[in-house]
Protein backbone atom coordinates (compact mmCIF):
# COMPACT_ATOMS: atom_id res chain seq x y z
CA UNK A 1 120.08 90.73 58.70
CA UNK A 2 122.75 89.44 61.10
CA UNK A 3 121.73 87.72 64.26
CA UNK A 4 122.09 89.76 67.47
CA UNK A 5 124.86 88.40 69.68
CA UNK A 6 123.80 88.13 73.32
CA UNK A 7 125.23 86.73 76.52
CA UNK A 8 124.41 83.02 76.82
CA UNK A 9 122.10 81.90 79.65
CA UNK A 10 123.80 78.76 80.99
CA UNK A 11 124.26 79.37 84.72
CA UNK A 12 122.08 77.84 87.44
CA UNK A 13 121.97 78.48 91.18
CA UNK A 14 124.95 76.24 92.16
CA UNK A 15 127.17 77.88 89.54
CA UNK A 16 126.28 81.38 90.75
CA UNK A 17 126.98 80.42 94.36
CA UNK A 18 130.37 78.93 93.39
CA UNK A 19 131.16 82.10 91.41
CA UNK A 20 130.26 84.32 94.37
CA UNK A 21 132.27 82.23 96.83
CA UNK A 22 135.26 82.25 94.46
CA UNK A 23 135.04 86.04 94.39
CA UNK A 24 134.87 86.20 98.21
CA UNK A 25 137.80 83.75 98.51
CA UNK A 26 136.83 81.94 101.77
CA UNK A 27 140.51 81.23 102.51
CA UNK A 28 141.01 84.97 103.07
CA UNK A 29 139.73 84.42 106.63
CA UNK A 30 143.03 82.68 107.36
CA UNK A 31 145.05 85.18 105.38
CA UNK A 32 143.93 88.10 107.58
CA UNK A 33 143.11 86.16 110.77
CA UNK A 34 146.04 87.63 112.69
CA UNK A 35 145.06 91.19 111.83
CA UNK A 36 141.49 90.77 113.06
CA UNK A 37 142.49 88.76 116.15
CA UNK A 38 144.98 91.49 117.09
CA UNK A 39 142.40 94.23 116.55
CA UNK A 40 139.71 92.47 118.62
CA UNK A 41 141.92 91.12 121.39
CA UNK A 42 141.11 87.53 120.45
CA UNK A 43 137.40 87.98 119.65
CA UNK A 44 137.68 87.37 115.90
CA UNK A 45 134.57 85.16 115.79
CA UNK A 46 132.48 88.06 117.11
CA UNK A 47 133.94 90.40 114.49
CA UNK A 48 132.93 88.06 111.67
CA UNK A 49 129.50 87.38 113.15
CA UNK A 50 128.76 91.11 113.39
CA UNK A 51 130.07 91.67 109.85
CA UNK A 52 127.86 88.84 108.55
CA UNK A 53 124.74 90.29 110.14
CA UNK A 54 125.62 93.73 108.76
CA UNK A 55 126.22 92.47 105.20
CA UNK A 56 122.94 90.57 105.08
CA UNK A 57 121.00 93.86 105.01
CA UNK A 58 122.82 94.98 101.87
CA UNK A 59 122.61 91.47 100.37
CA UNK A 60 118.83 91.75 100.75
CA UNK A 61 118.85 95.01 98.79
CA UNK A 62 120.90 93.54 95.95
CA UNK A 63 118.44 90.65 95.83
CA UNK A 64 115.44 92.99 95.60
CA UNK A 65 117.03 94.96 92.74
CA UNK A 66 118.24 91.86 90.90
CA UNK A 67 114.66 90.55 90.86
CA UNK A 68 113.30 93.90 89.65
CA UNK A 69 115.97 94.50 86.98
CA UNK A 70 117.50 91.20 85.79
CA UNK A 71 120.19 92.73 83.58
CA UNK A 72 123.97 93.11 83.76
CA UNK A 73 125.42 96.23 85.38
CA UNK A 74 124.76 95.64 89.08
CA UNK A 75 124.70 98.86 91.17
CA UNK A 76 125.08 101.06 88.10
CA UNK A 77 121.94 99.61 86.50
CA UNK A 78 119.86 99.64 89.69
CA UNK A 79 120.56 103.27 90.55
CA UNK A 80 120.19 104.46 86.95
CA UNK A 81 116.77 102.87 86.59
CA UNK A 82 115.37 103.85 89.99
CA UNK A 83 116.93 107.18 90.93
CA UNK A 84 118.52 108.96 87.97
CA UNK A 85 120.79 108.21 85.03
CA UNK A 86 123.34 110.81 86.11
CA UNK A 87 123.52 109.43 89.63
CA UNK A 88 123.72 105.95 88.13
CA UNK A 89 126.73 107.00 86.07
CA UNK A 90 128.56 108.26 89.19
CA UNK A 91 127.74 105.05 91.06
CA UNK A 92 129.00 103.00 88.11
CA UNK A 93 132.11 105.16 88.01
CA UNK A 94 132.71 104.59 91.76
CA UNK A 95 132.04 100.87 91.37
CA UNK A 96 134.75 100.73 88.71
CA UNK A 97 137.29 101.30 91.51
CA UNK A 98 136.29 97.94 92.95
CA UNK A 99 135.62 95.96 89.79
CA UNK A 100 138.49 97.25 87.64
CA UNK A 101 141.28 97.34 90.19
CA UNK A 102 140.37 94.38 92.42
CA UNK A 103 141.60 91.81 89.85
CA UNK A 104 144.92 93.69 89.76
CA UNK A 105 145.23 93.44 93.55
CA UNK A 106 144.30 89.74 93.51
CA UNK A 107 146.98 88.98 90.91
CA UNK A 108 149.49 91.12 92.83
CA UNK A 109 148.88 89.22 96.08
CA UNK A 110 149.11 85.87 94.30
CA UNK A 111 152.37 86.92 92.69
CA UNK A 112 153.68 88.07 96.06
CA UNK A 113 153.00 84.65 97.64
CA UNK A 114 154.81 82.85 94.81
CA UNK A 115 157.72 85.28 94.67
CA UNK A 116 158.28 84.83 98.42
CA UNK A 117 158.45 81.05 97.94
CA UNK A 118 160.49 81.17 94.71
CA UNK A 119 162.58 84.36 94.94
CA UNK A 120 164.65 83.44 91.86
CA UNK A 121 161.61 84.03 89.62
CA UNK A 122 160.79 87.73 89.11
CA UNK A 123 157.36 88.64 90.44
CA UNK A 124 156.24 90.27 87.13
CA UNK A 125 156.40 86.81 85.54
CA UNK A 126 154.07 85.36 88.18
CA UNK A 127 151.65 88.28 87.72
CA UNK A 128 151.73 87.86 83.92
CA UNK A 129 151.02 84.15 84.33
CA UNK A 130 147.95 84.88 86.47
CA UNK A 131 146.68 87.45 83.95
CA UNK A 132 147.14 85.28 80.85
CA UNK A 133 145.49 82.18 82.33
CA UNK A 134 142.45 83.96 83.78
CA UNK A 135 141.99 86.06 80.65
CA UNK A 136 141.99 83.03 78.35
CA UNK A 137 139.49 81.20 80.57
CA UNK A 138 137.14 84.20 80.72
CA UNK A 139 137.33 84.80 76.94
CA UNK A 140 136.53 81.17 76.13
CA UNK A 141 133.35 81.57 78.13
CA UNK A 142 131.79 81.78 81.56
CA UNK A 143 130.78 78.10 81.38
CA UNK A 144 134.42 76.99 81.05
CA UNK A 145 135.51 79.39 83.78
CA UNK A 146 132.65 78.05 85.91
CA UNK A 147 133.97 74.47 85.61
CA UNK A 148 137.50 75.55 86.51
CA UNK A 149 136.16 77.52 89.47
CA UNK A 150 134.29 74.43 90.71
CA UNK A 151 137.45 72.30 90.79
CA UNK A 152 139.65 74.95 92.37
CA UNK A 153 137.01 75.99 94.90
CA UNK A 154 136.68 72.34 95.94
CA UNK A 155 140.42 72.26 96.73
CA UNK A 156 140.20 75.54 98.62
CA UNK A 157 137.29 74.28 100.75
CA UNK A 158 139.18 71.02 101.34
CA UNK A 159 142.17 72.91 102.74
CA UNK A 160 139.88 74.97 104.97
CA UNK A 161 138.25 71.76 106.23
CA UNK A 162 141.69 70.26 106.99
CA UNK A 163 142.71 73.45 108.78
CA UNK A 164 139.60 73.31 110.98
CA UNK A 165 140.00 69.55 111.58
CA UNK A 166 143.64 69.95 112.60
CA UNK A 167 142.66 72.85 114.84
CA UNK A 168 140.01 70.71 116.53
CA UNK A 169 142.52 67.87 117.00
CA UNK A 170 145.03 70.30 118.50
CA UNK A 171 142.48 71.64 120.99
CA UNK A 172 141.25 68.16 121.96
CA UNK A 173 144.80 66.91 122.51
CA UNK A 174 145.28 69.54 125.19
CA UNK A 175 141.85 69.95 126.79
CA UNK A 176 139.68 67.09 125.56
CA UNK A 177 136.30 67.50 123.87
CA UNK A 178 135.29 70.07 126.46
CA UNK A 179 137.90 72.44 125.08
CA UNK A 180 135.86 72.80 121.88
CA UNK A 181 133.10 74.67 123.71
CA UNK A 182 134.25 78.11 124.73
CA UNK A 183 133.13 81.73 124.67
CA UNK A 184 136.73 82.91 124.28
CA UNK A 185 136.60 83.33 120.44
CA UNK A 186 133.61 85.64 120.94
CA UNK A 187 134.60 87.60 124.06
CA UNK A 188 138.38 87.46 123.64
CA UNK A 189 141.00 87.86 126.35
CA UNK A 190 141.51 91.62 126.44
CA UNK A 191 138.75 92.62 124.01
CA UNK A 192 136.92 95.94 124.07
CA UNK A 193 133.69 97.02 122.39
CA UNK A 194 135.62 99.52 120.24
CA UNK A 195 138.16 96.86 119.29
CA UNK A 196 135.48 94.38 118.22
CA UNK A 197 133.68 97.11 116.22
CA UNK A 198 136.95 97.97 114.49
CA UNK A 199 137.57 94.28 113.83
CA UNK A 200 134.09 93.93 112.34
CA UNK A 201 134.84 96.80 109.96
CA UNK A 202 137.98 94.98 108.81
CA UNK A 203 136.14 91.65 108.61
CA UNK A 204 133.46 93.24 106.43
CA UNK A 205 136.05 93.64 103.69
CA UNK A 206 136.13 89.83 103.40
CA UNK A 207 132.52 89.96 102.18
CA UNK A 208 133.21 92.30 99.27
CA UNK A 209 132.19 90.43 96.16
CA UNK A 210 128.85 88.84 97.08
CA UNK A 211 127.28 91.57 94.93
CA UNK A 212 129.35 90.44 91.91
CA UNK A 213 126.81 87.67 91.33
CA UNK A 214 124.45 90.31 89.91
CA UNK A 215 126.85 91.04 87.04
CA UNK A 216 126.06 87.57 85.61
CA UNK A 217 122.29 88.14 85.56
CA UNK A 218 122.06 87.96 81.75
CA UNK A 219 123.92 84.64 81.75
CA UNK A 220 121.65 83.09 84.39
CA UNK A 221 118.63 80.86 83.80
CA UNK A 222 115.50 82.38 85.41
CA UNK A 223 117.47 85.28 86.94
CA UNK A 224 114.55 86.91 88.81
CA UNK A 225 114.42 83.90 91.14
CA UNK A 226 117.95 82.55 90.91
CA UNK A 227 120.08 85.67 91.44
CA UNK A 228 118.44 86.87 94.71
CA UNK A 229 118.80 83.36 96.16
CA UNK A 230 122.43 83.19 95.08
CA UNK A 231 123.27 86.55 96.67
CA UNK A 232 121.89 85.55 100.06
CA UNK A 233 123.45 82.08 99.90
CA UNK A 234 126.88 83.49 99.07
CA UNK A 235 126.69 85.92 102.01
CA UNK A 236 125.40 83.24 104.40
CA UNK A 237 127.77 80.45 103.32
CA UNK A 238 130.76 82.75 103.13
CA UNK A 239 129.93 84.32 106.49
CA UNK A 240 129.32 80.92 108.04
CA UNK A 241 132.74 79.72 106.89
CA UNK A 242 134.37 82.88 108.25
CA UNK A 243 132.75 82.50 111.69
CA UNK A 244 133.46 78.75 112.03
CA UNK A 245 137.10 79.06 110.92
CA UNK A 246 137.72 82.10 113.13
CA UNK A 247 136.20 80.24 116.10
CA UNK A 248 138.31 77.09 115.57
CA UNK A 249 141.58 78.90 114.94
CA UNK A 250 141.02 81.26 117.85
CA UNK A 251 140.69 78.19 120.10
CA UNK A 252 144.14 77.06 118.96
CA UNK A 253 145.62 80.51 119.51
CA UNK A 254 143.62 82.49 122.13
CA UNK A 255 144.16 86.23 122.20
CA UNK A 256 145.65 88.46 119.55
CA UNK A 257 149.41 88.36 120.08
CA UNK A 258 151.49 86.99 117.20
CA UNK A 259 155.11 87.14 116.09
CA UNK A 260 153.81 88.61 112.83
CA UNK A 261 150.06 89.23 112.68
CA UNK A 262 150.16 89.55 108.86
CA UNK A 263 151.50 85.98 108.60
CA UNK A 264 149.58 84.44 111.50
CA UNK A 265 147.88 81.95 109.17
CA UNK A 266 151.21 80.43 108.17
CA UNK A 267 152.34 80.39 111.79
CA UNK A 268 149.27 78.49 112.94
CA UNK A 269 149.29 76.16 109.90
CA UNK A 270 152.80 75.02 110.80
CA UNK A 271 151.82 74.74 114.46
CA UNK A 272 148.92 72.38 113.83
CA UNK A 273 150.22 70.47 110.80
CA UNK A 274 153.96 70.93 110.51
CA UNK A 275 155.96 72.16 107.52
CA UNK A 276 154.12 69.89 105.06
CA UNK A 277 150.73 71.37 105.85
CA UNK A 278 152.32 74.83 105.82
CA UNK A 279 153.35 74.18 102.22
CA UNK A 280 149.85 72.93 101.34
CA UNK A 281 148.39 76.02 102.97
CA UNK A 282 150.62 78.24 100.81
CA UNK A 283 149.51 76.39 97.69
CA UNK A 284 145.88 76.83 98.69
CA UNK A 285 146.35 80.58 99.15
CA UNK A 286 147.82 80.88 95.65
CA UNK A 287 144.99 78.81 94.14
CA UNK A 288 142.47 80.92 96.05
CA UNK A 289 143.91 84.03 94.40
CA UNK A 290 143.62 82.34 90.99
CA UNK A 291 139.93 81.44 91.43
CA UNK A 292 139.18 84.87 92.84
CA UNK A 293 140.94 86.45 89.87
CA UNK A 294 138.76 84.53 87.41
CA UNK A 295 135.60 85.72 89.15
CA UNK A 296 136.78 89.32 89.60
CA UNK A 297 137.83 89.69 85.97
CA UNK A 298 134.54 88.22 84.75
CA UNK A 299 132.53 90.61 86.94
CA UNK A 300 134.56 93.68 85.96
CA UNK A 301 134.25 92.92 82.26
CA UNK A 302 130.45 92.63 82.60
CA UNK A 303 130.29 96.07 84.21
CA UNK A 304 132.32 97.57 81.34
CA UNK A 305 130.07 95.74 78.86
CA UNK A 306 126.89 97.08 80.47
CA UNK A 307 128.21 100.67 80.47
CA UNK A 308 129.54 100.31 76.92
CA UNK A 309 126.25 98.84 75.71
CA UNK A 310 124.46 101.86 77.17
CA UNK A 311 126.85 104.21 75.38
CA UNK A 312 128.24 105.65 78.62
CA UNK A 313 131.60 104.17 77.60
CA UNK A 314 132.57 103.77 73.90
CA UNK A 315 130.07 101.24 72.56
CA UNK A 316 132.34 100.09 69.72
CA UNK A 317 134.94 98.95 72.26
CA UNK A 318 133.14 97.91 75.44
CA UNK A 319 129.59 97.24 74.23
CA UNK A 320 130.42 94.36 71.90
CA UNK A 321 130.30 90.59 72.36
CA UNK A 322 132.46 88.13 70.46
CA UNK A 323 130.32 86.22 67.94
CA UNK A 324 132.02 82.89 68.67
CA UNK A 325 132.44 82.95 72.45
CA UNK A 326 129.52 85.25 73.35
CA UNK A 327 131.77 87.07 75.82
CA UNK A 328 132.88 90.74 76.02
CA UNK A 329 136.42 90.03 74.81
CA UNK A 330 137.61 93.65 74.62
CA UNK A 331 136.24 94.39 78.10
CA UNK A 332 138.02 91.31 79.46
CA UNK A 333 141.22 92.45 77.73
CA UNK A 334 140.85 95.90 79.29
CA UNK A 335 140.75 94.35 82.78
CA UNK A 336 143.86 92.35 81.88
CA UNK A 337 145.65 95.50 80.72
CA UNK A 338 144.85 97.26 84.00
CA UNK A 339 146.20 94.22 85.81
CA UNK A 340 149.63 94.85 84.28
CA UNK A 341 149.93 97.88 86.58
CA UNK A 342 150.47 95.36 89.40
CA UNK A 343 154.01 94.88 88.11
CA UNK A 344 154.99 98.31 89.40
CA UNK A 345 152.78 98.63 92.48
CA UNK A 346 152.69 97.30 96.04
CA UNK A 347 149.75 95.74 97.87
CA UNK A 348 149.29 98.59 100.35
CA UNK A 349 149.00 101.26 97.64
CA UNK A 350 146.79 99.23 95.31
CA UNK A 351 144.26 98.28 97.97
CA UNK A 352 144.00 101.73 99.57
CA UNK A 353 141.03 102.96 97.56
CA UNK A 354 139.18 99.85 96.29
CA UNK A 355 136.80 99.63 99.25
CA UNK A 356 135.70 103.25 98.78
CA UNK A 357 133.96 102.38 95.52
CA UNK A 358 132.37 99.23 96.93
CA UNK A 359 130.92 101.04 99.95
CA UNK A 360 129.56 103.90 97.81
CA UNK A 361 127.82 101.31 95.61
CA UNK A 362 126.41 99.48 98.65
CA UNK A 363 124.94 102.67 100.09
CA UNK A 364 123.33 103.67 96.80
CA UNK A 365 121.85 100.21 96.11
CA UNK A 366 120.19 100.35 99.54
CA UNK A 367 118.87 103.81 98.64
CA UNK A 368 117.59 102.58 95.26
CA UNK A 369 115.48 99.90 96.98
CA UNK A 370 113.73 102.55 99.06
CA UNK A 371 113.12 104.72 95.99
CA UNK A 372 111.79 101.67 94.13
CA UNK A 373 109.39 100.99 97.03
CA UNK A 374 108.09 104.58 96.82
CA UNK A 375 107.55 104.37 93.05
CA UNK A 376 105.79 101.01 93.24
CA UNK A 377 103.54 102.29 96.04
CA UNK A 378 102.49 105.25 93.89
CA UNK A 379 101.61 102.81 91.11
CA UNK A 380 99.34 100.89 93.48
CA UNK A 381 101.77 97.99 93.95
CA UNK A 382 102.60 97.98 97.67
CA UNK A 383 105.69 96.01 98.69
CA UNK A 384 106.81 94.70 102.08
CA UNK A 385 108.15 97.78 103.96
CA UNK A 386 110.36 95.56 106.14
CA UNK A 387 112.32 94.28 103.13
CA UNK A 388 112.13 97.42 101.00
CA UNK A 389 112.46 100.21 103.58
CA UNK A 390 113.67 99.15 107.04
CA UNK A 391 116.37 96.67 105.96
CA UNK A 392 117.82 98.99 103.29
CA UNK A 393 117.83 101.91 105.75
CA UNK A 394 119.78 99.83 108.27
CA UNK A 395 122.09 98.72 105.47
CA UNK A 396 122.82 102.35 104.54
CA UNK A 397 123.69 103.23 108.13
CA UNK A 398 125.95 100.20 108.60
CA UNK A 399 127.85 100.71 105.34
CA UNK A 400 128.11 104.43 106.06
CA UNK A 401 129.85 103.54 109.31
CA UNK A 402 132.26 101.24 107.46
CA UNK A 403 132.96 103.96 104.90
CA UNK A 404 133.81 106.31 107.76
CA UNK A 405 136.33 103.73 109.05
CA UNK A 406 138.42 103.87 105.85
CA UNK A 407 141.81 105.52 106.15
CA UNK A 408 142.47 109.03 104.87
CA UNK A 409 144.28 107.84 101.73
CA UNK A 410 141.30 105.73 100.68
CA UNK A 411 138.87 108.62 101.13
CA UNK A 412 141.12 111.13 99.32
CA UNK A 413 141.82 108.82 96.38
CA UNK A 414 138.19 107.69 96.18
CA UNK A 415 136.88 111.25 96.25
CA UNK A 416 139.39 112.27 93.57
CA UNK A 417 138.19 109.40 91.38
CA UNK A 418 134.59 110.57 91.84
CA UNK A 419 135.54 114.13 90.87
CA UNK A 420 137.05 112.85 87.61
CA UNK A 421 133.80 111.01 86.93
CA UNK A 422 131.82 114.15 87.74
CA UNK A 423 133.81 116.12 85.16
CA UNK A 424 133.24 113.44 82.51
CA UNK A 425 129.53 113.41 83.34
CA UNK A 426 129.31 117.22 83.14
CA UNK A 427 130.85 117.22 79.67
CA UNK A 428 128.78 114.31 78.32
CA UNK A 429 125.48 115.73 79.64
CA UNK A 430 126.15 119.39 78.71
CA UNK A 431 126.38 120.59 82.27
CA UNK A 432 124.05 117.90 83.76
CA UNK A 433 121.13 119.20 81.65
CA UNK A 434 120.54 115.89 79.88
CA UNK A 435 120.65 112.23 80.81
CA UNK A 436 123.68 110.08 79.94
CA UNK A 437 123.23 107.75 76.93
CA UNK A 438 121.28 104.59 77.66
CA UNK A 439 120.03 101.57 75.76
CA UNK A 440 116.48 101.79 74.44
CA UNK A 441 113.68 99.70 75.94
CA UNK A 442 113.28 97.42 72.92
CA UNK A 443 116.95 96.44 73.01
CA UNK A 444 116.82 95.91 76.78
CA UNK A 445 113.82 93.61 76.46
CA UNK A 446 115.58 91.65 73.71
CA UNK A 447 118.59 91.09 75.97
CA UNK A 448 116.42 90.10 78.92
CA UNK A 449 114.68 87.36 76.94
CA UNK A 450 115.99 83.83 77.43
CA UNK A 451 117.22 82.48 74.11
């Protein structure tokens, strides 16, 4: 009898945190700084602080579910096992918008940066380079990808630290040490409550990805304790970086007026460090996209693997692990194939509907925590209502507000994607009369056991 191939448990808390931060891409705070500063009238630090507080409620819910169900699949698994398999399928289908297409967007943005700097090289070649490198690293194994992520994340954090240090030096050269203490980055120059709320909605997009840590549950040592800690640490560390950087950079450039708000990061980098630091900043942005691509592709492939293993997607394709590498090679390849679409798309179109799937998943994970609390209470196992009822309820309201803020194209495309999933579900369940295929309990327990 052949030995069952399972995902290898090699990851500890630091590795999960690095993975989550790579997915978040901390440098994105500088990439979209101008947009948020313009929206908030110079109160970008407030926007990120509000977004951080909002995301922590949903991070709590992911932590609760990761402890209860330490298996791959993230939102899809949590909703399927607490609410209903059919609802779980639709949540997994919505989540695929985020997990499947986000790597494509990451590679597209990275290719755009490089093509702008080296216009003689066609952008499709840059995109193909991103795809091939990240795919090879993810196929070889999460441990190798983890080591690469550590090195590249260190460089990214170093550039952020230099950016903040140069910003501090710039402020001190004009106003002394006293200039470092100011309420301006929080209250802005011409800020309004509506503007700050809108800026917080935009800033919340920077946090998308902290939930991706849950997709590596079956590759984590002692996941019931490690994964919830990692989720909260990623949200807190990432949010802390966003607030500190926004505060420092807003001191250098008060208000929200820029020559080009989309390129404000480059403008300020050259202002505080000259052309040399501007070039370093560009390199850091490209590297940030590379590390984020590794994490996003790994997370997306684990979602496909979980759904394939359950039989919701073709098990022979997506539910298999490579015997040598212990990784879902065909699922990783599928993400790479989707990434090729970036060669014929633009950033605006490709990003228009990703957040729809993420916000749907966030809402339903919060709901699943409340349902889990009700079920446990009926079984005589009361849980803390603050963590399992109040926080998830607040999380649902906050994410619902962010979902409402999406533009019309995102809502139309996202809803259309859900309708396609609904049709597939109706066919596979004979008109919703039966549950979608799922893995039996014995196999689940085998996969949850540390080997």
